């Protein structure tokens, strides 16, 4: 949540089913989240 706020200046990360978000934003959020959880 803190990392996403730093990257995009938004409180909420995009959801994969959010019709207002593009592929790039959704995949970026998923990659960052996956990397942080793995670490």
ModelCIF file with pLDDT and N, C-alpha, C, O atoms, coordinates in Angstrom:
data_MODEL
#
_entry.id   MODEL 
#
_entity.id                         1 
_entity.type                       polymer 
_entity.pdbx_number_of_molecules   1 
#
_entity_poly.entity_id                      1 
_entity_poly.type                           'polypeptide(L)' 
_entity_poly.nstd_linkage                   no 
_entity_poly.nstd_monomer                   no 
_entity_poly.pdbx_seq_one_letter_code       
;(UNK)(UNK)(UNK)(UNK)(UNK)(UNK)(UNK)(UNK)(UNK)(UNK)(UNK)(UNK)(UNK)(UNK)(UNK)(UNK)
(UNK)(UNK)(UNK)(UNK)(UNK)(UNK)(UNK)(UNK)(UNK)(UNK)(UNK)(UNK)(UNK)(UNK)(UNK)(UNK)
(UNK)(UNK)(UNK)(UNK)(UNK)(UNK)(UNK)
;
_entity_poly.pdbx_seq_one_letter_code_can   XXXXXXXXXXXXXXXXXXXXXXXXXXXXXXXXXXXXXXX 
_entity_poly.pdbx_strand_id                 A 
#
loop_
_entity_poly_seq.entity_id 
_entity_poly_seq.num 
_entity_poly_seq.mon_id 
_entity_poly_seq.hetero 
1 1  UNK n 
1 2  UNK n 
1 3  UNK n 
1 4  UNK n 
1 5  UNK n 
1 6  UNK n 
1 7  UNK n 
1 8  UNK n 
1 9  UNK n 
1 10 UNK n 
1 11 UNK n 
1 12 UNK n 
1 13 UNK n 
1 14 UNK n 
1 15 UNK n 
1 16 UNK n 
1 17 UNK n 
1 18 UNK n 
1 19 UNK n 
1 20 UNK n 
1 21 UNK n 
1 22 UNK n 
1 23 UNK n 
1 24 UNK n 
1 25 UNK n 
1 26 UNK n 
1 27 UNK n 
1 28 UNK n 
1 29 UNK n 
1 30 UNK n 
1 31 UNK n 
1 32 UNK n 
1 33 UNK n 
1 34 UNK n 
1 35 UNK n 
1 36 UNK n 
1 37 UNK n 
1 38 UNK n 
1 39 UNK n 
#
_struct_asym.id          A 
_struct_asym.entity_id   1 
#
loop_
_ma_qa_metric.id 
_ma_qa_metric.mode 
_ma_qa_metric.name 
_ma_qa_metric.software_group_id 
_ma_qa_metric.type 
1 global pLDDT . pLDDT 
2 local  pLDDT . pLDDT 
#
_ma_qa_metric_global.metric_id      1 
_ma_qa_metric_global.metric_value   93.33 
_ma_qa_metric_global.model_id       1 
_ma_qa_metric_global.ordinal_id     1 
#
loop_
_ma_qa_metric_local.label_asym_id 
_ma_qa_metric_local.label_comp_id 
_ma_qa_metric_local.label_seq_id 
_ma_qa_metric_local.metric_id 
_ma_qa_metric_local.metric_value 
_ma_qa_metric_local.model_id 
_ma_qa_metric_local.ordinal_id 
A UNK 1  2 94.00 1 1  
A UNK 2  2 94.00 1 2  
A UNK 3  2 94.00 1 3  
A UNK 4  2 94.00 1 4  
A UNK 5  2 95.00 1 5  
A UNK 6  2 95.00 1 6  
A UNK 7  2 91.00 1 7  
A UNK 8  2 91.00 1 8  
A UNK 9  2 93.00 1 9  
A UNK 10 2 91.00 1 10 
A UNK 11 2 90.00 1 11 
A UNK 12 2 89.00 1 12 
A UNK 13 2 89.00 1 13 
A UNK 14 2 90.00 1 14 
A UNK 15 2 89.00 1 15 
A UNK 16 2 92.00 1 16 
A UNK 17 2 94.00 1 17 
A UNK 18 2 92.00 1 18 
A UNK 19 2 94.00 1 19 
A UNK 20 2 92.00 1 20 
A UNK 21 2 92.00 1 21 
A UNK 22 2 94.00 1 22 
A UNK 23 2 95.00 1 23 
A UNK 24 2 94.00 1 24 
A UNK 25 2 92.00 1 25 
A UNK 26 2 94.00 1 26 
A UNK 27 2 95.00 1 27 
A UNK 28 2 94.00 1 28 
A UNK 29 2 94.00 1 29 
A UNK 30 2 95.00 1 30 
A UNK 31 2 96.00 1 31 
A UNK 32 2 95.00 1 32 
A UNK 33 2 95.00 1 33 
A UNK 34 2 96.00 1 34 
A UNK 35 2 96.00 1 35 
A UNK 36 2 95.00 1 36 
A UNK 37 2 95.00 1 37 
A UNK 38 2 95.00 1 38 
A UNK 39 2 95.00 1 39 
#
loop_
_atom_site.group_PDB 
_atom_site.id 
_atom_site.type_symbol 
_atom_site.label_atom_id 
_atom_site.label_alt_id 
_atom_site.label_comp_id 
_atom_site.label_asym_id 
_atom_site.label_entity_id 
_atom_site.label_seq_id 
_atom_site.pdbx_PDB_ins_code 
_atom_site.Cartn_x 
_atom_site.Cartn_y 
_atom_site.Cartn_z 
_atom_site.occupancy 
_atom_site.B_iso_or_equiv 
_atom_site.pdbx_formal_charge 
_atom_site.auth_seq_id 
_atom_site.auth_comp_id 
_atom_site.auth_asym_id 
_atom_site.auth_atom_id 
_atom_site.pdbx_PDB_model_num 
ATOM 1   N N  . UNK A 1 1  ? 0.834   -1.214  0.000   1.00 94.00 ? 1  UNK A N  1 
ATOM 2   C CA . UNK A 1 1  ? 0.000   0.000   0.000   1.00 94.00 ? 1  UNK A CA 1 
ATOM 3   C C  . UNK A 1 1  ? 0.863   1.256   0.000   1.00 94.00 ? 1  UNK A C  1 
ATOM 4   O O  . UNK A 1 1  ? 0.587   2.202   -0.738  1.00 94.00 ? 1  UNK A O  1 
ATOM 5   N N  . UNK A 1 2  ? 1.906   1.267   0.826   1.00 94.00 ? 2  UNK A N  1 
ATOM 6   C CA . UNK A 1 2  ? 2.799   2.434   0.880   1.00 94.00 ? 2  UNK A CA 1 
ATOM 7   C C  . UNK A 1 2  ? 3.584   2.599   -0.418  1.00 94.00 ? 2  UNK A C  1 
ATOM 8   O O  . UNK A 1 2  ? 3.761   3.714   -0.909  1.00 94.00 ? 2  UNK A O  1 
ATOM 9   N N  . UNK A 1 3  ? 4.051   1.481   -0.966  1.00 94.00 ? 3  UNK A N  1 
ATOM 10  C CA . UNK A 1 3  ? 4.810   1.535   -2.215  1.00 94.00 ? 3  UNK A CA 1 
ATOM 11  C C  . UNK A 1 3  ? 3.927   2.029   -3.358  1.00 94.00 ? 3  UNK A C  1 
ATOM 12  O O  . UNK A 1 3  ? 4.356   2.854   -4.165  1.00 94.00 ? 3  UNK A O  1 
ATOM 13  N N  . UNK A 1 4  ? 2.698   1.527   -3.428  1.00 94.00 ? 4  UNK A N  1 
ATOM 14  C CA . UNK A 1 4  ? 1.793   1.953   -4.499  1.00 94.00 ? 4  UNK A CA 1 
ATOM 15  C C  . UNK A 1 4  ? 1.491   3.446   -4.381  1.00 94.00 ? 4  UNK A C  1 
ATOM 16  O O  . UNK A 1 4  ? 1.417   4.153   -5.386  1.00 94.00 ? 4  UNK A O  1 
ATOM 17  N N  . UNK A 1 5  ? 1.319   3.912   -3.162  1.00 95.00 ? 5  UNK A N  1 
ATOM 18  C CA . UNK A 1 5  ? 1.050   5.341   -2.956  1.00 95.00 ? 5  UNK A CA 1 
ATOM 19  C C  . UNK A 1 5  ? 2.245   6.181   -3.420  1.00 95.00 ? 5  UNK A C  1 
ATOM 20  O O  . UNK A 1 5  ? 2.058   7.260   -3.983  1.00 95.00 ? 5  UNK A O  1 
ATOM 21  N N  . UNK A 1 6  ? 3.460   5.700   -3.191  1.00 95.00 ? 6  UNK A N  1 
ATOM 22  C CA . UNK A 1 6  ? 4.657   6.407   -3.670  1.00 95.00 ? 6  UNK A CA 1 
ATOM 23  C C  . UNK A 1 6  ? 4.761   6.392   -5.193  1.00 95.00 ? 6  UNK A C  1 
ATOM 24  O O  . UNK A 1 6  ? 5.139   7.391   -5.805  1.00 95.00 ? 6  UNK A O  1 
ATOM 25  N N  . UNK A 1 7  ? 4.425   5.264   -5.796  1.00 91.00 ? 7  UNK A N  1 
ATOM 26  C CA . UNK A 1 7  ? 4.549   5.119   -7.249  1.00 91.00 ? 7  UNK A CA 1 
ATOM 27  C C  . UNK A 1 7  ? 3.479   5.923   -7.984  1.00 91.00 ? 7  UNK A C  1 
ATOM 28  O O  . UNK A 1 7  ? 3.789   6.684   -8.900  1.00 91.00 ? 7  UNK A O  1 
ATOM 29  N N  . UNK A 1 8  ? 2.230   5.755   -7.584  1.00 91.00 ? 8  UNK A N  1 
ATOM 30  C CA . UNK A 1 8  ? 1.114   6.326   -8.345  1.00 91.00 ? 8  UNK A CA 1 
ATOM 31  C C  . UNK A 1 8  ? 0.370   7.461   -7.632  1.00 91.00 ? 8  UNK A C  1 
ATOM 32  O O  . UNK A 1 8  ? -0.529  8.065   -8.216  1.00 91.00 ? 8  UNK A O  1 
ATOM 33  N N  . UNK A 1 9  ? 0.726   7.756   -6.399  1.00 93.00 ? 9  UNK A N  1 
ATOM 34  C CA . UNK A 1 9  ? 0.050   8.806   -5.618  1.00 93.00 ? 9  UNK A CA 1 
ATOM 35  C C  . UNK A 1 9  ? -1.450  8.544   -5.498  1.00 93.00 ? 9  UNK A C  1 
ATOM 36  O O  . UNK A 1 9  ? -2.264  9.467   -5.529  1.00 93.00 ? 9  UNK A O  1 
ATOM 37  N N  . UNK A 1 10 ? -1.792  7.271   -5.361  1.00 91.00 ? 10 UNK A N  1 
ATOM 38  C CA . UNK A 1 10 ? -3.180  6.834   -5.172  1.00 91.00 ? 10 UNK A CA 1 
ATOM 39  C C  . UNK A 1 10 ? -3.251  5.975   -3.932  1.00 91.00 ? 10 UNK A C  1 
ATOM 40  O O  . UNK A 1 10 ? -2.289  5.288   -3.587  1.00 91.00 ? 10 UNK A O  1 
ATOM 41  N N  . UNK A 1 11 ? -4.400  6.010   -3.252  1.00 90.00 ? 11 UNK A N  1 
ATOM 42  C CA . UNK A 1 11 ? -4.559  5.178   -2.057  1.00 90.00 ? 11 UNK A CA 1 
ATOM 43  C C  . UNK A 1 11 ? -4.840  3.723   -2.395  1.00 90.00 ? 11 UNK A C  1 
ATOM 44  O O  . UNK A 1 11 ? -4.421  2.825   -1.664  1.00 90.00 ? 11 UNK A O  1 
ATOM 45  N N  . UNK A 1 12 ? -5.536  3.480   -3.483  1.00 89.00 ? 12 UNK A N  1 
ATOM 46  C CA . UNK A 1 12 ? -5.921  2.110   -3.835  1.00 89.00 ? 12 UNK A CA 1 
ATOM 47  C C  . UNK A 1 12 ? -5.228  1.650   -5.107  1.00 89.00 ? 12 UNK A C  1 
ATOM 48  O O  . UNK A 1 12 ? -5.162  2.381   -6.096  1.00 89.00 ? 12 UNK A O  1 
ATOM 49  N N  . UNK A 1 13 ? -4.714  0.428   -5.065  1.00 89.00 ? 13 UNK A N  1 
ATOM 50  C CA . UNK A 1 13 ? -4.118  -0.181  -6.250  1.00 89.00 ? 13 UNK A CA 1 
ATOM 51  C C  . UNK A 1 13 ? -5.249  -0.671  -7.159  1.00 89.00 ? 13 UNK A C  1 
ATOM 52  O O  . UNK A 1 13 ? -6.350  -0.948  -6.684  1.00 89.00 ? 13 UNK A O  1 
ATOM 53  N N  . UNK A 1 14 ? -4.981  -0.776  -8.448  1.00 90.00 ? 14 UNK A N  1 
ATOM 54  C CA . UNK A 1 14 ? -6.039  -1.232  -9.347  1.00 90.00 ? 14 UNK A CA 1 
ATOM 55  C C  . UNK A 1 14 ? -6.352  -2.712  -9.152  1.00 90.00 ? 14 UNK A C  1 
ATOM 56  O O  . UNK A 1 14 ? -5.474  -3.518  -8.845  1.00 90.00 ? 14 UNK A O  1 
ATOM 57  N N  . UNK A 1 15 ? -7.591  -3.035  -9.334  1.00 89.00 ? 15 UNK A N  1 
ATOM 58  C CA . UNK A 1 15 ? -8.049  -4.417  -9.300  1.00 89.00 ? 15 UNK A CA 1 
ATOM 59  C C  . UNK A 1 15 ? -8.048  -4.932  -10.746 1.00 89.00 ? 15 UNK A C  1 
ATOM 60  O O  . UNK A 1 15 ? -8.293  -4.161  -11.674 1.00 89.00 ? 15 UNK A O  1 
ATOM 61  N N  . UNK A 1 16 ? -7.781  -6.192  -10.937 1.00 92.00 ? 16 UNK A N  1 
ATOM 62  C CA . UNK A 1 16 ? -7.730  -6.760  -12.285 1.00 92.00 ? 16 UNK A CA 1 
ATOM 63  C C  . UNK A 1 16 ? -9.065  -6.611  -13.021 1.00 92.00 ? 16 UNK A C  1 
ATOM 64  O O  . UNK A 1 16 ? -9.082  -6.582  -14.251 1.00 92.00 ? 16 UNK A O  1 
ATOM 65  N N  . UNK A 1 17 ? -10.167 -6.517  -12.303 1.00 94.00 ? 17 UNK A N  1 
ATOM 66  C CA . UNK A 1 17 ? -11.483 -6.417  -12.934 1.00 94.00 ? 17 UNK A CA 1 
ATOM 67  C C  . UNK A 1 17 ? -11.997 -4.982  -13.013 1.00 94.00 ? 17 UNK A C  1 
ATOM 68  O O  . UNK A 1 17 ? -13.151 -4.762  -13.380 1.00 94.00 ? 17 UNK A O  1 
ATOM 69  N N  . UNK A 1 18 ? -11.166 -4.016  -12.677 1.00 92.00 ? 18 UNK A N  1 
ATOM 70  C CA . UNK A 1 18 ? -11.564 -2.612  -12.740 1.00 92.00 ? 18 UNK A CA 1 
ATOM 71  C C  . UNK A 1 18 ? -11.586 -2.160  -14.202 1.00 92.00 ? 18 UNK A C  1 
ATOM 72  O O  . UNK A 1 18 ? -10.537 -2.112  -14.844 1.00 92.00 ? 18 UNK A O  1 
ATOM 73  N N  . UNK A 1 19 ? -12.778 -1.823  -14.743 1.00 94.00 ? 19 UNK A N  1 
ATOM 74  C CA . UNK A 1 19 ? -12.871 -1.468  -16.164 1.00 94.00 ? 19 UNK A CA 1 
ATOM 75  C C  . UNK A 1 19 ? -12.218 -0.120  -16.494 1.00 94.00 ? 19 UNK A C  1 
ATOM 76  O O  . UNK A 1 19 ? -11.968 0.163   -17.666 1.00 94.00 ? 19 UNK A O  1 
ATOM 77  N N  . UNK A 1 20 ? -11.942 0.706   -15.502 1.00 92.00 ? 20 UNK A N  1 
ATOM 78  C CA . UNK A 1 20 ? -11.357 2.024   -15.738 1.00 92.00 ? 20 UNK A CA 1 
ATOM 79  C C  . UNK A 1 20 ? -9.830  2.014   -15.748 1.00 92.00 ? 20 UNK A C  1 
ATOM 80  O O  . UNK A 1 20 ? -9.209  3.054   -15.969 1.00 92.00 ? 20 UNK A O  1 
ATOM 81  N N  . UNK A 1 21 ? -9.227  0.871   -15.515 1.00 92.00 ? 21 UNK A N  1 
ATOM 82  C CA . UNK A 1 21 ? -7.766  0.772   -15.472 1.00 92.00 ? 21 UNK A CA 1 
ATOM 83  C C  . UNK A 1 21 ? -7.270  0.004   -16.682 1.00 92.00 ? 21 UNK A C  1 
ATOM 84  O O  . UNK A 1 21 ? -7.926  -0.924  -17.155 1.00 92.00 ? 21 UNK A O  1 
ATOM 85  N N  . UNK A 1 22 ? -6.114  0.397   -17.178 1.00 94.00 ? 22 UNK A N  1 
ATOM 86  C CA . UNK A 1 22 ? -5.526  -0.271  -18.336 1.00 94.00 ? 22 UNK A CA 1 
ATOM 87  C C  . UNK A 1 22 ? -4.651  -1.448  -17.932 1.00 94.00 ? 22 UNK A C  1 
ATOM 88  O O  . UNK A 1 22 ? -4.335  -1.646  -16.759 1.00 94.00 ? 22 UNK A O  1 
ATOM 89  N N  . UNK A 1 23 ? -4.268  -2.225  -18.946 1.00 95.00 ? 23 UNK A N  1 
ATOM 90  C CA . UNK A 1 23 ? -3.426  -3.400  -18.724 1.00 95.00 ? 23 UNK A CA 1 
ATOM 91  C C  . UNK A 1 23 ? -2.107  -3.032  -18.047 1.00 95.00 ? 23 UNK A C  1 
ATOM 92  O O  . UNK A 1 23 ? -1.686  -3.701  -17.104 1.00 95.00 ? 23 UNK A O  1 
ATOM 93  N N  . UNK A 1 24 ? -1.464  -1.987  -18.516 1.00 94.00 ? 24 UNK A N  1 
ATOM 94  C CA . UNK A 1 24 ? -0.165  -1.608  -17.972 1.00 94.00 ? 24 UNK A CA 1 
ATOM 95  C C  . UNK A 1 24 ? -0.221  -1.325  -16.485 1.00 94.00 ? 24 UNK A C  1 
ATOM 96  O O  . UNK A 1 24 ? 0.640   -1.774  -15.728 1.00 94.00 ? 24 UNK A O  1 
ATOM 97  N N  . UNK A 1 25 ? -1.232  -0.581  -16.068 1.00 92.00 ? 25 UNK A N  1 
ATOM 98  C CA . UNK A 1 25 ? -1.376  -0.232  -14.653 1.00 92.00 ? 25 UNK A CA 1 
ATOM 99  C C  . UNK A 1 25 ? -1.674  -1.463  -13.803 1.00 92.00 ? 25 UNK A C  1 
ATOM 100 O O  . UNK A 1 25 ? -1.139  -1.609  -12.704 1.00 92.00 ? 25 UNK A O  1 
ATOM 101 N N  . UNK A 1 26 ? -2.526  -2.341  -14.312 1.00 94.00 ? 26 UNK A N  1 
ATOM 102 C CA . UNK A 1 26 ? -2.886  -3.560  -13.577 1.00 94.00 ? 26 UNK A CA 1 
ATOM 103 C C  . UNK A 1 26 ? -1.678  -4.489  -13.457 1.00 94.00 ? 26 UNK A C  1 
ATOM 104 O O  . UNK A 1 26 ? -1.421  -5.051  -12.392 1.00 94.00 ? 26 UNK A O  1 
ATOM 105 N N  . UNK A 1 27 ? -0.939  -4.645  -14.558 1.00 95.00 ? 27 UNK A N  1 
ATOM 106 C CA . UNK A 1 27 ? 0.233   -5.526  -14.520 1.00 95.00 ? 27 UNK A CA 1 
ATOM 107 C C  . UNK A 1 27 ? 1.357   -4.953  -13.660 1.00 95.00 ? 27 UNK A C  1 
ATOM 108 O O  . UNK A 1 27 ? 2.071   -5.703  -12.994 1.00 95.00 ? 27 UNK A O  1 
ATOM 109 N N  . UNK A 1 28 ? 1.517   -3.632  -13.670 1.00 94.00 ? 28 UNK A N  1 
ATOM 110 C CA . UNK A 1 28 ? 2.508   -3.004  -12.801 1.00 94.00 ? 28 UNK A CA 1 
ATOM 111 C C  . UNK A 1 28 ? 2.172   -3.261  -11.336 1.00 94.00 ? 28 UNK A C  1 
ATOM 112 O O  . UNK A 1 28 ? 3.040   -3.627  -10.544 1.00 94.00 ? 28 UNK A O  1 
ATOM 113 N N  . UNK A 1 29 ? 0.914   -3.067  -10.989 1.00 94.00 ? 29 UNK A N  1 
ATOM 114 C CA . UNK A 1 29 ? 0.488   -3.304  -9.602  1.00 94.00 ? 29 UNK A CA 1 
ATOM 115 C C  . UNK A 1 29 ? 0.706   -4.760  -9.202  1.00 94.00 ? 29 UNK A C  1 
ATOM 116 O O  . UNK A 1 29 ? 1.176   -5.043  -8.100  1.00 94.00 ? 29 UNK A O  1 
ATOM 117 N N  . UNK A 1 30 ? 0.362   -5.681  -10.104 1.00 95.00 ? 30 UNK A N  1 
ATOM 118 C CA . UNK A 1 30 ? 0.533   -7.106  -9.802  1.00 95.00 ? 30 UNK A CA 1 
ATOM 119 C C  . UNK A 1 30 ? 2.003   -7.469  -9.638  1.00 95.00 ? 30 UNK A C  1 
ATOM 120 O O  . UNK A 1 30 ? 2.355   -8.241  -8.747  1.00 95.00 ? 30 UNK A O  1 
ATOM 121 N N  . UNK A 1 31 ? 2.856   -6.923  -10.482 1.00 96.00 ? 31 UNK A N  1 
ATOM 122 C CA . UNK A 1 31 ? 4.293   -7.213  -10.406 1.00 96.00 ? 31 UNK A CA 1 
ATOM 123 C C  . UNK A 1 31 ? 4.903   -6.667  -9.119  1.00 96.00 ? 31 UNK A C  1 
ATOM 124 O O  . UNK A 1 31 ? 5.681   -7.352  -8.455  1.00 96.00 ? 31 UNK A O  1 
ATOM 125 N N  . UNK A 1 32 ? 4.551   -5.445  -8.775  1.00 95.00 ? 32 UNK A N  1 
ATOM 126 C CA . UNK A 1 32 ? 5.077   -4.846  -7.536  1.00 95.00 ? 32 UNK A CA 1 
ATOM 127 C C  . UNK A 1 32 ? 4.585   -5.623  -6.325  1.00 95.00 ? 32 UNK A C  1 
ATOM 128 O O  . UNK A 1 32 ? 5.355   -5.927  -5.414  1.00 95.00 ? 32 UNK A O  1 
ATOM 129 N N  . UNK A 1 33 ? 3.296   -5.942  -6.323  1.00 95.00 ? 33 UNK A N  1 
ATOM 130 C CA . UNK A 1 33 ? 2.736   -6.691  -5.199  1.00 95.00 ? 33 UNK A CA 1 
ATOM 131 C C  . UNK A 1 33 ? 3.377   -8.069  -5.074  1.00 95.00 ? 33 UNK A C  1 
ATOM 132 O O  . UNK A 1 33 ? 3.716   -8.495  -3.971  1.00 95.00 ? 33 UNK A O  1 
ATOM 133 N N  . UNK A 1 34 ? 3.543   -8.760  -6.180  1.00 96.00 ? 34 UNK A N  1 
ATOM 134 C CA . UNK A 1 34 ? 4.155   -10.092 -6.159  1.00 96.00 ? 34 UNK A CA 1 
ATOM 135 C C  . UNK A 1 34 ? 5.593   -10.055 -5.676  1.00 96.00 ? 34 UNK A C  1 
ATOM 136 O O  . UNK A 1 34 ? 6.015   -10.904 -4.891  1.00 96.00 ? 34 UNK A O  1 
ATOM 137 N N  . UNK A 1 35 ? 6.345   -9.070  -6.147  1.00 96.00 ? 35 UNK A N  1 
ATOM 138 C CA . UNK A 1 35 ? 7.749   -8.947  -5.729  1.00 96.00 ? 35 UNK A CA 1 
ATOM 139 C C  . UNK A 1 35 ? 7.847   -8.659  -4.236  1.00 96.00 ? 35 UNK A C  1 
ATOM 140 O O  . UNK A 1 35 ? 8.678   -9.246  -3.542  1.00 96.00 ? 35 UNK A O  1 
ATOM 141 N N  . UNK A 1 36 ? 7.005   -7.761  -3.739  1.00 95.00 ? 36 UNK A N  1 
ATOM 142 C CA . UNK A 1 36 ? 7.043   -7.433  -2.308  1.00 95.00 ? 36 UNK A CA 1 
ATOM 143 C C  . UNK A 1 36 ? 6.634   -8.629  -1.452  1.00 95.00 ? 36 UNK A C  1 
ATOM 144 O O  . UNK A 1 36 ? 7.275   -8.907  -0.438  1.00 95.00 ? 36 UNK A O  1 
ATOM 145 N N  . UNK A 1 37 ? 5.579   -9.337  -1.844  1.00 95.00 ? 37 UNK A N  1 
ATOM 146 C CA . UNK A 1 37 ? 5.146   -10.498 -1.068  1.00 95.00 ? 37 UNK A CA 1 
ATOM 147 C C  . UNK A 1 37 ? 6.215   -11.586 -1.064  1.00 95.00 ? 37 UNK A C  1 
ATOM 148 O O  . UNK A 1 37 ? 6.457   -12.208 -0.030  1.00 95.00 ? 37 UNK A O  1 
ATOM 149 N N  . UNK A 1 38 ? 6.854   -11.821 -2.199  1.00 95.00 ? 38 UNK A N  1 
ATOM 150 C CA . UNK A 1 38 ? 7.913   -12.841 -2.265  1.00 95.00 ? 38 UNK A CA 1 
ATOM 151 C C  . UNK A 1 38 ? 9.108   -12.451 -1.400  1.00 95.00 ? 38 UNK A C  1 
ATOM 152 O O  . UNK A 1 38 ? 9.673   -13.289 -0.697  1.00 95.00 ? 38 UNK A O  1 
ATOM 153 N N  . UNK A 1 39 ? 9.485   -11.191 -1.455  1.00 95.00 ? 39 UNK A N  1 
ATOM 154 C CA . UNK A 1 39 ? 10.626  -10.734 -0.651  1.00 95.00 ? 39 UNK A CA 1 
ATOM 155 C C  . UNK A 1 39 ? 10.318  -10.822 0.837   1.00 95.00 ? 39 UNK A C  1 
ATOM 156 O O  . UNK A 1 39 ? 11.163  -10.479 1.664   1.00 95.00 ? 39 UNK A O  1 
#
